[in-house]
PDB file of N, CA and C in Angstrom:
ATOM      1  N   MET A   1       0.820  -0.959  -0.158  1.00  0.00           N
ATOM      2  CA  MET A   1      -0.141  -0.040   0.171  1.00  0.00           C
ATOM      3  C   MET A   1       0.891   1.075   0.175  1.00  0.00           C
ATOM      4  N   ALA A   2       0.656   1.984  -0.842  1.00  0.00           N
ATOM      5  CA  ALA A   2       1.244   3.213  -1.086  1.00  0.00           C
ATOM      6  C   ALA A   2       0.765   4.378   0.072  1.00  0.00           C
ATOM      7  N   TYR A   3       1.528   5.437   0.545  1.00  0.00           N
ATOM      8  CA  TYR A   3       0.858   6.406   1.422  1.00  0.00           C
ATOM      9  C   TYR A   3      -0.017   7.086   0.568  1.00  0.00           C
ATOM     10  N   ASP A   4      -0.836   7.993   1.786  1.00  0.00           N
ATOM     11  CA  ASP A   4      -2.187   8.640   1.244  1.00  0.00           C
ATOM     12  C   ASP A   4      -1.718   9.778   0.712  1.00  0.00           C
ATOM     13  N   GLU A   5      -1.506  10.184  -0.286  1.00  0.00           N
ATOM     14  CA  GLU A   5      -1.065  11.488  -1.097  1.00  0.00           C
ATOM     15  C   GLU A   5      -2.093  12.703  -0.710  1.00  0.00           C
ATOM     16  N   GLU A   6      -3.206  12.583  -0.487  1.00  0.00           N
ATOM     17  CA  GLU A   6      -4.039  13.620   0.162  1.00  0.00           C
ATOM     18  C   GLU A   6      -3.638  13.808   1.596  1.00  0.00           C
ATOM     19  N   LEU A   7      -3.274  12.956   2.252  1.00  0.00           N
ATOM     20  CA  LEU A   7      -2.697  13.106   3.997  1.00  0.00           C
ATOM     21  C   LEU A   7      -1.601  13.801   3.725  1.00  0.00           C
ATOM     22  N   ALA A   8      -0.790  13.143   3.187  1.00  0.00           N
ATOM     23  CA  ALA A   8       0.642  14.170   2.785  1.00  0.00           C
ATOM     24  C   ALA A   8       0.577  15.517   2.430  1.00  0.00           C
ATOM     25  N   GLY A   9      -0.300  15.851   1.538  1.00  0.00           N
ATOM     26  CA  GLY A   9      -0.608  17.129   1.219  1.00  0.00           C
ATOM     27  C   GLY A   9      -1.291  18.119   2.393  1.00  0.00           C
ATOM     28  N   ARG A  10      -1.916  17.399   3.198  1.00  0.00           N
ATOM     29  CA  ARG A  10      -2.587  18.284   4.412  1.00  0.00           C
ATOM     30  C   ARG A  10      -1.528  18.196   5.418  1.00  0.00           C
ATOM     31  N   VAL A  11      -0.515  17.430   5.796  1.00  0.00           N
ATOM     32  CA  VAL A  11       0.706  17.574   6.522  1.00  0.00           C
ATOM     33  C   VAL A  11       1.502  18.722   6.183  1.00  0.00           C
ATOM     34  N   ARG A  12       1.956  18.433   4.682  1.00  0.00           N
ATOM     35  CA  ARG A  12       2.945  19.523   4.107  1.00  0.00           C
ATOM     36  C   ARG A  12       2.230  21.151   4.244  1.00  0.00           C
ATOM     37  N   ASP A  13       0.745  21.200   4.085  1.00  0.00           N
ATOM     38  CA  ASP A  13       0.318  22.506   4.397  1.00  0.00           C
ATOM     39  C   ASP A  13       0.516  23.146   5.838  1.00  0.00           C
ATOM     40  N   LEU A  14       0.084  21.906   6.727  1.00  0.00           N
ATOM     41  CA  LEU A  14       0.247  22.454   7.953  1.00  0.00           C
ATOM     42  C   LEU A  14       1.808  22.739   8.566  1.00  0.00           C
ATOM     43  N   LEU A  15       2.617  21.960   8.242  1.00  0.00           N
ATOM     44  CA  LEU A  15       4.010  22.020   8.484  1.00  0.00           C
ATOM     45  C   LEU A  15       4.552  23.548   8.102  1.00  0.00           C
ATOM     46  N   ALA A  16       3.919  24.100   6.669  1.00  0.00           N
ATOM     47  CA  ALA A  16       4.406  25.143   6.310  1.00  0.00           C
ATOM     48  C   ALA A  16       4.239  26.434   7.057  1.00  0.00           C
ATOM     49  N   ASP A  17       3.258  26.074   8.138  1.00  0.00           N
ATOM     50  CA  ASP A  17       2.580  27.370   9.012  1.00  0.00           C
ATOM     51  C   ASP A  17       3.074  26.926  10.525  1.00  0.00           C
ATOM     52  N   GLU A  18       3.822  25.708  10.634  1.00  0.00           N
ATOM     53  CA  GLU A  18       4.061  25.372  11.994  1.00  0.00           C
ATOM     54  C   GLU A  18       5.205  26.127  12.872  1.00  0.00           C
ATOM     55  N   PRO A  19       4.722  26.705  13.910  1.00  0.00           N
ATOM     56  CA  PRO A  19       5.586  27.566  14.640  1.00  0.00           C
ATOM     57  C   PRO A  19       6.669  26.498  15.442  1.00  0.00           C
ATOM     58  N   GLY A  20       6.131  25.200  15.809  1.00  0.00           N
ATOM     59  CA  GLY A  20       7.132  24.477  16.247  1.00  0.00           C
ATOM     60  C   GLY A  20       8.626  24.057  15.521  1.00  0.00           C
ATOM     61  N   ALA A  21       8.312  24.304  14.116  1.00  0.00           N
ATOM     62  CA  ALA A  21       9.477  24.126  13.400  1.00  0.00           C
ATOM     63  C   ALA A  21       9.936  25.186  13.003  1.00  0.00           C
ATOM     64  N   ALA A  22       9.662  26.524  13.363  1.00  0.00           N
ATOM     65  CA  ALA A  22      10.245  27.774  13.059  1.00  0.00           C
ATOM     66  C   ALA A  22      11.806  27.737  13.233  1.00  0.00           C
ATOM     67  N   GLY A  23      12.466  28.173  12.091  1.00  0.00           N
ATOM     68  CA  GLY A  23      13.847  28.124  12.208  1.00  0.00           C
ATOM     69  C   GLY A  23      14.637  26.882  11.601  1.00  0.00           C
ATOM     70  N   ARG A  24      13.779  25.837  11.498  1.00  0.00           N
ATOM     71  CA  ARG A  24      14.468  24.690  11.237  1.00  0.00           C
ATOM     72  C   ARG A  24      14.059  24.281   9.839  1.00  0.00           C
ATOM     73  N   GLU A  25      14.993  23.766   9.084  1.00  0.00           N
ATOM     74  CA  GLU A  25      14.894  23.156   7.566  1.00  0.00           C
ATOM     75  C   GLU A  25      13.865  22.120   7.466  1.00  0.00           C
ATOM     76  N   LEU A  26      12.606  22.374   6.758  1.00  0.00           N
ATOM     77  CA  LEU A  26      11.770  21.428   6.463  1.00  0.00           C
ATOM     78  C   LEU A  26      12.123  20.440   5.422  1.00  0.00           C
ATOM     79  N   THR A  27      11.967  19.064   5.410  1.00  0.00           N
ATOM     80  CA  THR A  27      12.183  18.293   4.171  1.00  0.00           C
ATOM     81  C   THR A  27      11.296  17.265   4.350  1.00  0.00           C
ATOM     82  N   GLU A  28      11.135  16.399   3.219  1.00  0.00           N
ATOM     83  CA  GLU A  28      10.452  15.357   2.945  1.00  0.00           C
ATOM     84  C   GLU A  28      11.252  14.157   2.211  1.00  0.00           C
ATOM     85  N   LYS A  29      11.014  13.124   2.853  1.00  0.00           N
ATOM     86  CA  LYS A  29      12.088  11.785   2.499  1.00  0.00           C
ATOM     87  C   LYS A  29      10.990  10.589   2.195  1.00  0.00           C
ATOM     88  N   LYS A  30      10.926   9.821   1.090  1.00  0.00           N
ATOM     89  CA  LYS A  30      10.365   8.949   0.862  1.00  0.00           C
ATOM     90  C   LYS A  30      11.072   7.665   1.670  1.00  0.00           C
ATOM     91  N   MET A  31      10.271   6.773   2.588  1.00  0.00           N
ATOM     92  CA  MET A  31      10.937   5.729   3.455  1.00  0.00           C
ATOM     93  C   MET A  31       9.652   4.856   3.756  1.00  0.00           C
ATOM     94  N   PHE A  32      10.099   3.563   3.782  1.00  0.00           N
ATOM     95  CA  PHE A  32       9.286   2.587   4.240  1.00  0.00           C
ATOM     96  C   PHE A  32       7.914   2.588   3.696  1.00  0.00           C
ATOM     97  N   GLY A  33       7.879   2.961   2.208  1.00  0.00           N
ATOM     98  CA  GLY A  33       6.639   3.102   1.609  1.00  0.00           C
ATOM     99  C   GLY A  33       5.741   4.079   2.045  1.00  0.00           C
ATOM    100  N   GLY A  34       6.046   4.929   2.941  1.00  0.00           N
ATOM    101  CA  GLY A  34       5.427   6.277   3.229  1.00  0.00           C
ATOM    102  C   GLY A  34       6.389   7.528   2.984  1.00  0.00           C
ATOM    103  N   LEU A  35       5.859   8.678   3.481  1.00  0.00           N
ATOM    104  CA  LEU A  35       6.580   9.852   2.990  1.00  0.00           C
ATOM    105  C   LEU A  35       6.938  10.581   4.432  1.00  0.00           C
ATOM    106  N   GLY A  36       8.132  10.754   4.719  1.00  0.00           N
ATOM    107  CA  GLY A  36       8.484  11.289   6.190  1.00  0.00           C
ATOM    108  C   GLY A  36       8.798  12.753   5.987  1.00  0.00           C
ATOM    109  N   PHE A  37       8.250  13.316   6.956  1.00  0.00           N
ATOM    110  CA  PHE A  37       8.413  14.863   6.812  1.00  0.00           C
ATOM    111  C   PHE A  37       9.295  15.455   8.173  1.00  0.00           C
ATOM    112  N   MET A  38      10.516  15.821   7.971  1.00  0.00           N
ATOM    113  CA  MET A  38      11.684  15.995   8.831  1.00  0.00           C
ATOM    114  C   MET A  38      11.687  17.591   9.242  1.00  0.00           C
ATOM    115  N   VAL A  39      12.031  17.908  10.344  1.00  0.00           N
ATOM    116  CA  VAL A  39      12.270  19.175  10.958  1.00  0.00           C
ATOM    117  C   VAL A  39      13.716  18.962  11.358  1.00  0.00           C
ATOM    118  N   GLY A  40      14.554  19.732  10.765  1.00  0.00           N
ATOM    119  CA  GLY A  40      15.892  19.865  11.136  1.00  0.00           C
ATOM    120  C   GLY A  40      16.820  18.293  10.946  1.00  0.00           C
ATOM    121  N   GLY A  41      16.190  17.780   9.910  1.00  0.00           N
ATOM    122  CA  GLY A  41      16.710  16.466   9.662  1.00  0.00           C
ATOM    123  C   GLY A  41      16.229  15.070  10.315  1.00  0.00           C
ATOM    124  N   ASN A  42      15.198  15.573  11.333  1.00  0.00           N
ATOM    125  CA  ASN A  42      14.569  14.468  12.378  1.00  0.00           C
ATOM    126  C   ASN A  42      13.467  14.458  12.208  1.00  0.00           C
ATOM    127  N   MET A  43      13.161  13.248  11.960  1.00  0.00           N
ATOM    128  CA  MET A  43      11.535  12.756  11.507  1.00  0.00           C
ATOM    129  C   MET A  43      10.617  13.423  12.443  1.00  0.00           C
ATOM    130  N   ALA A  44       9.663  14.154  12.020  1.00  0.00           N
ATOM    131  CA  ALA A  44       8.520  14.789  12.875  1.00  0.00           C
ATOM    132  C   ALA A  44       7.237  13.870  12.544  1.00  0.00           C
ATOM    133  N   VAL A  45       6.698  13.617  11.499  1.00  0.00           N
ATOM    134  CA  VAL A  45       5.570  12.947  11.036  1.00  0.00           C
ATOM    135  C   VAL A  45       5.865  12.341   9.814  1.00  0.00           C
ATOM    136  N   ALA A  46       5.111  11.327   9.607  1.00  0.00           N
ATOM    137  CA  ALA A  46       4.959  10.370   8.344  1.00  0.00           C
ATOM    138  C   ALA A  46       3.664  10.144   7.707  1.00  0.00           C
ATOM    139  N   ALA A  47       3.373  10.170   6.771  1.00  0.00           N
ATOM    140  CA  ALA A  47       2.044   9.628   5.782  1.00  0.00           C
ATOM    141  C   ALA A  47       2.642   8.252   5.894  1.00  0.00           C
ATOM    142  N   SER A  48       2.035   7.296   6.612  1.00  0.00           N
ATOM    143  CA  SER A  48       2.615   5.962   6.429  1.00  0.00           C
ATOM    144  C   SER A  48       2.412   5.069   5.267  1.00  0.00           C
ATOM    145  N   GLY A  49       2.921   4.157   4.929  1.00  0.00           N
ATOM    146  CA  GLY A  49       2.837   3.577   3.673  1.00  0.00           C
ATOM    147  C   GLY A  49       1.896   2.420   4.249  1.00  0.00           C
ATOM    148  N   GLN A  50       1.512   2.298   5.755  1.00  0.00           N
ATOM    149  CA  GLN A  50       0.666   1.070   6.099  1.00  0.00           C
ATOM    150  C   GLN A  50      -0.799   1.822   6.235  1.00  0.00           C
ATOM    151  N   GLY A  51      -1.152   3.190   5.898  1.00  0.00           N
ATOM    152  CA  GLY A  51      -2.109   4.014   6.057  1.00  0.00           C
ATOM    153  C   GLY A  51      -1.963   4.632   7.312  1.00  0.00           C
ATOM    154  N   GLY A  52      -2.809   5.830   7.384  1.00  0.00           N
ATOM    155  CA  GLY A  52      -2.732   6.488   8.769  1.00  0.00           C
ATOM    156  C   GLY A  52      -1.571   7.499   8.698  1.00  0.00           C
ATOM    157  N   LEU A  53      -0.992   7.929  10.020  1.00  0.00           N
ATOM    158  CA  LEU A  53      -0.186   8.775  10.357  1.00  0.00           C
ATOM    159  C   LEU A  53       0.747   8.270  11.318  1.00  0.00           C
ATOM    160  N   MET A  54       2.138   8.470  11.216  1.00  0.00           N
ATOM    161  CA  MET A  54       3.115   8.214  12.271  1.00  0.00           C
ATOM    162  C   MET A  54       3.611   9.443  12.990  1.00  0.00           C
ATOM    163  N   VAL A  55       3.846   9.357  14.090  1.00  0.00           N
ATOM    164  CA  VAL A  55       4.230  10.622  14.872  1.00  0.00           C
ATOM    165  C   VAL A  55       5.252  10.254  15.791  1.00  0.00           C
ATOM    166  N   ARG A  56       6.254  11.300  15.867  1.00  0.00           N
ATOM    167  CA  ARG A  56       7.236  11.100  16.663  1.00  0.00           C
ATOM    168  C   ARG A  56       6.983  11.981  18.051  1.00  0.00           C
ATOM    169  N   VAL A  57       7.122  11.508  19.267  1.00  0.00           N
ATOM    170  CA  VAL A  57       6.779  12.006  20.388  1.00  0.00           C
ATOM    171  C   VAL A  57       7.728  11.852  21.315  1.00  0.00           C
ATOM    172  N   ASP A  58       7.983  12.669  22.389  1.00  0.00           N
ATOM    173  CA  ASP A  58       8.912  12.571  23.487  1.00  0.00           C
ATOM    174  C   ASP A  58       8.394  11.179  24.019  1.00  0.00           C
ATOM    175  N   PRO A  59       9.515  10.212  24.308  1.00  0.00           N
ATOM    176  CA  PRO A  59       8.955   8.920  24.683  1.00  0.00           C
ATOM    177  C   PRO A  59       8.524   9.165  26.175  1.00  0.00           C
ATOM    178  N   ALA A  60       8.826   9.798  26.983  1.00  0.00           N
ATOM    179  CA  ALA A  60       8.165   9.912  28.381  1.00  0.00           C
ATOM    180  C   ALA A  60       6.498  10.218  28.290  1.00  0.00           C
ATOM    181  N   GLU A  61       6.116  10.753  27.097  1.00  0.00           N
ATOM    182  CA  GLU A  61       4.923  10.986  26.847  1.00  0.00           C
ATOM    183  C   GLU A  61       3.988   9.947  26.303  1.00  0.00           C
ATOM    184  N   GLY A  62       4.719   8.790  25.701  1.00  0.00           N
ATOM    185  CA  GLY A  62       3.968   8.148  25.137  1.00  0.00           C
ATOM    186  C   GLY A  62       2.994   7.153  25.689  1.00  0.00           C
ATOM    187  N   ASP A  63       3.266   6.534  26.893  1.00  0.00           N
ATOM    188  CA  ASP A  63       2.224   6.036  27.510  1.00  0.00           C
ATOM    189  C   ASP A  63       0.938   6.596  27.654  1.00  0.00           C
ATOM    190  N   GLU A  64       1.206   7.809  28.073  1.00  0.00           N
ATOM    191  CA  GLU A  64       0.016   8.496  28.410  1.00  0.00           C
ATOM    192  C   GLU A  64      -1.020   8.938  27.098  1.00  0.00           C
ATOM    193  N   LEU A  65      -0.100   9.321  26.247  1.00  0.00           N
ATOM    194  CA  LEU A  65      -0.977   9.704  25.010  1.00  0.00           C
ATOM    195  C   LEU A  65      -1.734   8.481  24.341  1.00  0.00           C
ATOM    196  N   VAL A  66      -1.187   7.042  24.442  1.00  0.00           N
ATOM    197  CA  VAL A  66      -1.787   6.001  24.068  1.00  0.00           C
ATOM    198  C   VAL A  66      -3.136   5.903  24.877  1.00  0.00           C
ATOM    199  N   ALA A  67      -2.950   6.186  26.328  1.00  0.00           N
ATOM    200  CA  ALA A  67      -3.964   6.076  27.252  1.00  0.00           C
ATOM    201  C   ALA A  67      -5.295   7.049  27.083  1.00  0.00           C
ATOM    202  N   THR A  68      -4.848   8.344  26.621  1.00  0.00           N
ATOM    203  CA  THR A  68      -5.609   9.154  26.332  1.00  0.00           C
ATOM    204  C   THR A  68      -6.304   9.910  25.057  1.00  0.00           C
ATOM    205  N   THR A  69      -5.653   9.195  24.181  1.00  0.00           N
ATOM    206  CA  THR A  69      -5.834   9.540  22.898  1.00  0.00           C
ATOM    207  C   THR A  69      -6.218   8.245  21.800  1.00  0.00           C
ATOM    208  N   PRO A  70      -6.647   8.542  20.520  1.00  0.00           N
ATOM    209  CA  PRO A  70      -6.559   7.341  19.492  1.00  0.00           C
ATOM    210  C   PRO A  70      -5.404   6.747  19.195  1.00  0.00           C
ATOM    211  N   ALA A  71      -4.415   7.321  19.499  1.00  0.00           N
ATOM    212  CA  ALA A  71      -3.224   6.826  19.338  1.00  0.00           C
ATOM    213  C   ALA A  71      -2.713   5.430  19.640  1.00  0.00           C
ATOM    214  N   TYR A  72      -1.802   4.772  19.114  1.00  0.00           N
ATOM    215  CA  TYR A  72      -1.625   3.405  19.582  1.00  0.00           C
ATOM    216  C   TYR A  72       0.060   3.232  19.197  1.00  0.00           C
ATOM    217  N   PRO A  73       0.928   2.489  19.902  1.00  0.00           N
ATOM    218  CA  PRO A  73       2.242   2.550  19.588  1.00  0.00           C
ATOM    219  C   PRO A  73       2.624   1.800  18.223  1.00  0.00           C
ATOM    220  N   MET A  74       3.549   2.686  17.736  1.00  0.00           N
ATOM    221  CA  MET A  74       4.040   2.140  16.357  1.00  0.00           C
ATOM    222  C   MET A  74       5.043   0.528  16.480  1.00  0.00           C
ATOM    223  N   GLU A  75       4.729  -0.259  15.718  1.00  0.00           N
ATOM    224  CA  GLU A  75       5.502  -1.423  16.011  1.00  0.00           C
ATOM    225  C   GLU A  75       6.271  -1.881  14.754  1.00  0.00           C
ATOM    226  N   MET A  76       7.588  -2.313  14.723  1.00  0.00           N
ATOM    227  CA  MET A  76       8.326  -2.673  13.719  1.00  0.00           C
ATOM    228  C   MET A  76       8.967  -3.959  13.953  1.00  0.00           C
ATOM    229  N   ARG A  77       8.674  -4.944  13.102  1.00  0.00           N
ATOM    230  CA  ARG A  77       9.324  -6.261  13.403  1.00  0.00           C
ATOM    231  C   ARG A  77       8.657  -6.581  14.632  1.00  0.00           C
ATOM    232  N   GLY A  78       7.581  -6.510  15.104  1.00  0.00           N
ATOM    233  CA  GLY A  78       6.904  -7.027  16.096  1.00  0.00           C
ATOM    234  C   GLY A  78       7.500  -6.199  17.437  1.00  0.00           C
ATOM    235  N   ARG A  79       8.022  -5.494  17.317  1.00  0.00           N
ATOM    236  CA  ARG A  79       8.363  -4.729  18.589  1.00  0.00           C
ATOM    237  C   ARG A  79       7.964  -3.393  18.717  1.00  0.00           C
ATOM    238  N   SER A  80       7.512  -2.948  20.038  1.00  0.00           N
ATOM    239  CA  SER A  80       6.916  -1.694  20.197  1.00  0.00           C
ATOM    240  C   SER A  80       8.173  -0.372  19.988  1.00  0.00           C
ATOM    241  N   MET A  81       7.869   0.707  19.423  1.00  0.00           N
ATOM    242  CA  MET A  81       8.899   1.533  19.047  1.00  0.00           C
ATOM    243  C   MET A  81       8.749   2.766  20.059  1.00  0.00           C
ATOM    244  N   SER A  82       9.558   3.064  21.136  1.00  0.00           N
ATOM    245  CA  SER A  82       9.160   4.119  21.930  1.00  0.00           C
ATOM    246  C   SER A  82       9.392   5.415  21.419  1.00  0.00           C
ATOM    247  N   GLY A  83       8.418   6.080  21.775  1.00  0.00           N
ATOM    248  CA  GLY A  83       8.623   7.563  20.965  1.00  0.00           C
ATOM    249  C   GLY A  83       7.809   7.707  19.857  1.00  0.00           C
ATOM    250  N   TRP A  84       7.370   6.633  19.189  1.00  0.00           N
ATOM    251  CA  TRP A  84       6.846   6.609  17.885  1.00  0.00           C
ATOM    252  C   TRP A  84       5.243   6.049  18.066  1.00  0.00           C
ATOM    253  N   LEU A  85       4.242   6.691  17.468  1.00  0.00           N
ATOM    254  CA  LEU A  85       2.999   6.280  17.523  1.00  0.00           C
ATOM    255  C   LEU A  85       2.195   6.381  16.168  1.00  0.00           C
ATOM    256  N   ARG A  86       1.263   5.770  16.073  1.00  0.00           N
ATOM    257  CA  ARG A  86       0.353   5.628  15.050  1.00  0.00           C
ATOM    258  C   ARG A  86      -1.153   6.069  15.139  1.00  0.00           C
ATOM    259  N   ILE A  87      -1.488   6.713  14.075  1.00  0.00           N
ATOM    260  CA  ILE A  87      -2.773   7.325  14.532  1.00  0.00           C
ATOM    261  C   ILE A  87      -3.624   6.859  13.099  1.00  0.00           C
ATOM    262  N   ASP A  88      -4.611   6.333  13.207  1.00  0.00           N
ATOM    263  CA  ASP A  88      -5.386   6.013  12.063  1.00  0.00           C
ATOM    264  C   ASP A  88      -5.988   7.148  11.317  1.00  0.00           C
ATOM    265  N   LEU A  89      -6.376   7.011  10.021  1.00  0.00           N
ATOM    266  CA  LEU A  89      -6.697   7.784   9.116  1.00  0.00           C
ATOM    267  C   LEU A  89      -7.786   8.811   9.601  1.00  0.00           C
ATOM    268  N   ALA A  90      -8.924   7.878   9.861  1.00  0.00           N
ATOM    269  CA  ALA A  90     -10.148   8.401  10.616  1.00  0.00           C
ATOM    270  C   ALA A  90     -10.103   9.091  11.721  1.00  0.00           C
ATOM    271  N   ASP A  91      -9.002   9.135  12.478  1.00  0.00           N
ATOM    272  CA  ASP A  91      -8.965   9.794  13.657  1.00  0.00           C
ATOM    273  C   ASP A  91      -8.022  11.267  13.514  1.00  0.00           C
ATOM    274  N   VAL A  92      -7.822  11.406  12.235  1.00  0.00           N
ATOM    275  CA  VAL A  92      -6.954  12.608  11.557  1.00  0.00           C
ATOM    276  C   VAL A  92      -7.822  13.468  10.553  1.00  0.00           C
ATOM    277  N   ALA A  93      -9.088  12.994  10.429  1.00  0.00           N
ATOM    278  CA  ALA A  93     -10.012  13.472   9.576  1.00  0.00           C
ATOM    279  C   ALA A  93     -10.267  14.786   9.367  1.00  0.00           C
ATOM    280  N   THR A  94     -10.251  15.587  10.436  1.00  0.00           N
ATOM    281  CA  THR A  94     -10.149  17.208  10.419  1.00  0.00           C
ATOM    282  C   THR A  94      -9.124  17.507  10.589  1.00  0.00           C
ATOM    283  N   ASP A  95      -8.967  18.724  10.115  1.00  0.00           N
ATOM    284  CA  ASP A  95      -7.595  19.822  10.243  1.00  0.00           C
ATOM    285  C   ASP A  95      -7.163  20.052  11.679  1.00  0.00           C
ATOM    286  N   GLU A  96      -8.239  19.976  12.491  1.00  0.00           N
ATOM    287  CA  GLU A  96      -7.684  20.307  13.985  1.00  0.00           C
ATOM    288  C   GLU A  96      -7.128  19.144  14.588  1.00  0.00           C
ATOM    289  N   ALA A  97      -7.629  18.054  14.277  1.00  0.00           N
ATOM    290  CA  ALA A  97      -7.002  16.823  14.871  1.00  0.00           C
ATOM    291  C   ALA A  97      -5.709  16.517  14.163  1.00  0.00           C
ATOM    292  N   LEU A  98      -5.705  16.570  12.749  1.00  0.00           N
ATOM    293  CA  LEU A  98      -4.222  16.435  12.303  1.00  0.00           C
ATOM    294  C   LEU A  98      -3.299  17.578  12.678  1.00  0.00           C
ATOM    295  N   GLY A  99      -3.768  18.673  12.789  1.00  0.00           N
ATOM    296  CA  GLY A  99      -2.946  19.784  13.201  1.00  0.00           C
ATOM    297  C   GLY A  99      -2.237  19.560  14.730  1.00  0.00           C
ATOM    298  N   ALA A 100      -2.973  19.028  15.519  1.00  0.00           N
ATOM    299  CA  ALA A 100      -2.625  18.806  16.733  1.00  0.00           C
ATOM    300  C   ALA A 100      -1.465  17.640  16.905  1.00  0.00           C
ATOM    301  N   TRP A 101      -1.399  16.746  16.093  1.00  0.00           N
ATOM    302  CA  TRP A 101      -0.365  15.723  15.886  1.00  0.00           C
ATOM    303  C   TRP A 101       0.771  16.218  15.197  1.00  0.00           C
ATOM    304  N   VAL A 102       0.600  16.964  14.319  1.00  0.00           N
ATOM    305  CA  VAL A 102       1.564  17.596  13.315  1.00  0.00           C
ATOM    306  C   VAL A 102       2.363  18.403  14.279  1.00  0.00           C
ATOM    307  N   HIS A 103       1.614  19.202  14.933  1.00  0.00           N
ATOM    308  CA  HIS A 103       2.026  20.180  15.903  1.00  0.00           C
ATOM    309  C   HIS A 103       3.073  19.513  16.824  1.00  0.00           C
ATOM    310  N   ARG A 104       2.536  18.149  17.450  1.00  0.00           N
ATOM    311  CA  ARG A 104       3.141  17.676  18.602  1.00  0.00           C
ATOM    312  C   ARG A 104       4.576  16.910  18.195  1.00  0.00           C
ATOM    313  N   GLY A 105       4.440  16.430  16.727  1.00  0.00           N
ATOM    314  CA  GLY A 105       5.678  15.710  16.108  1.00  0.00           C
ATOM    315  C   GLY A 105       6.755  16.757  15.894  1.00  0.00           C
ATOM    316  N   ALA A 106       6.487  17.923  15.047  1.00  0.00           N
ATOM    317  CA  ALA A 106       7.231  18.807  14.936  1.00  0.00           C
ATOM    318  C   ALA A 106       7.821  19.693  15.874  1.00  0.00           C
ATOM    319  N   THR A 107       7.233  19.836  17.010  1.00  0.00           N
ATOM    320  CA  THR A 107       7.749  20.563  18.484  1.00  0.00           C
ATOM    321  C   THR A 107       8.520  19.660  19.044  1.00  0.00           C
ATOM    322  N   TYR A 108       8.469  18.304  19.028  1.00  0.00           N
ATOM    323  CA  TYR A 108       9.443  17.374  19.459  1.00  0.00           C
ATOM    324  C   TYR A 108      10.835  17.249  18.829  1.00  0.00           C
ATOM    325  N   ALA A 109      10.486  17.069  17.499  1.00  0.00           N
ATOM    326  CA  ALA A 109      11.625  16.940  16.566  1.00  0.00           C
ATOM    327  C   ALA A 109      12.782  18.282  16.541  1.00  0.00           C
ATOM    328  N   ALA A 110      12.099  19.517  16.847  1.00  0.00           N
ATOM    329  CA  ALA A 110      12.558  20.552  16.681  1.00  0.00           C
ATOM    330  C   ALA A 110      13.403  20.876  18.019  1.00  0.00           C
ATOM    331  N   THR A 111      13.187  19.960  18.993  1.00  0.00           N
ATOM    332  CA  THR A 111      13.959  19.612  20.245  1.00  0.00           C
ATOM    333  C   THR A 111      15.542  18.875  20.100  1.00  0.00           C
ATOM    334  N   LEU A 112      15.555  18.162  18.945  1.00  0.00           N
ATOM    335  CA  LEU A 112      16.479  17.216  18.779  1.00  0.00           C
ATOM    336  C   LEU A 112      17.577  17.799  18.264  1.00  0.00           C
ATOM    337  N   PRO A 113      18.922  17.461  18.319  1.00  0.00           N
ATOM    338  CA  PRO A 113      19.891  18.242  17.536  1.00  0.00           C
ATOM    339  C   PRO A 113      19.707  17.939  16.225  1.00  0.00           C
ATOM    340  N   PRO A 114      20.118  19.154  15.285  1.00  0.00           N
ATOM    341  CA  PRO A 114      20.059  18.983  13.618  1.00  0.00           C
ATOM    342  C   PRO A 114      20.774  17.965  13.291  1.00  0.00           C
ATOM    343  N   LYS A 115      20.361  17.225  12.319  1.00  0.00           N
ATOM    344  CA  LYS A 115      21.184  16.234  11.710  1.00  0.00           C
ATOM    345  C   LYS A 115      21.535  16.749  10.241  1.00  0.00           C
TER     346      LYS A 115
END
C-alpha cells in the first residue's frame, strides 16, 4: 500500500505554518513505503505506507498519549517503538485533529539536535 497523497498534502500544508518548526529546515523523504516529514533532519511525522499517520513524540509522553488519545504504539518487526505512535486516518480526518499531531511531532523533532 502506498502512502495517502491527500494526507501527505495536508501534513505539508500544516507544516508550512508550524511554529514548532520555526527556524528549522523542513524536508520530505520517502521511506518504508511512506513519506516522512523532517524538521532539522529529524523525522517529525509521516504519511505511513500502511495507512494513517506516524508521529514522533517524547518517549516519556508515549504511554499517556496511548491511554488518552486514539494513538497506539508503532511496531516494527513485532517490537513496540518507544517515542513513535500511529494514528488511524479516521482519527485525523479534521484539520484540527491532524494539526494537533503535526504540531506535537514538529515541536518534539525541533528539540533534537539537527542532523
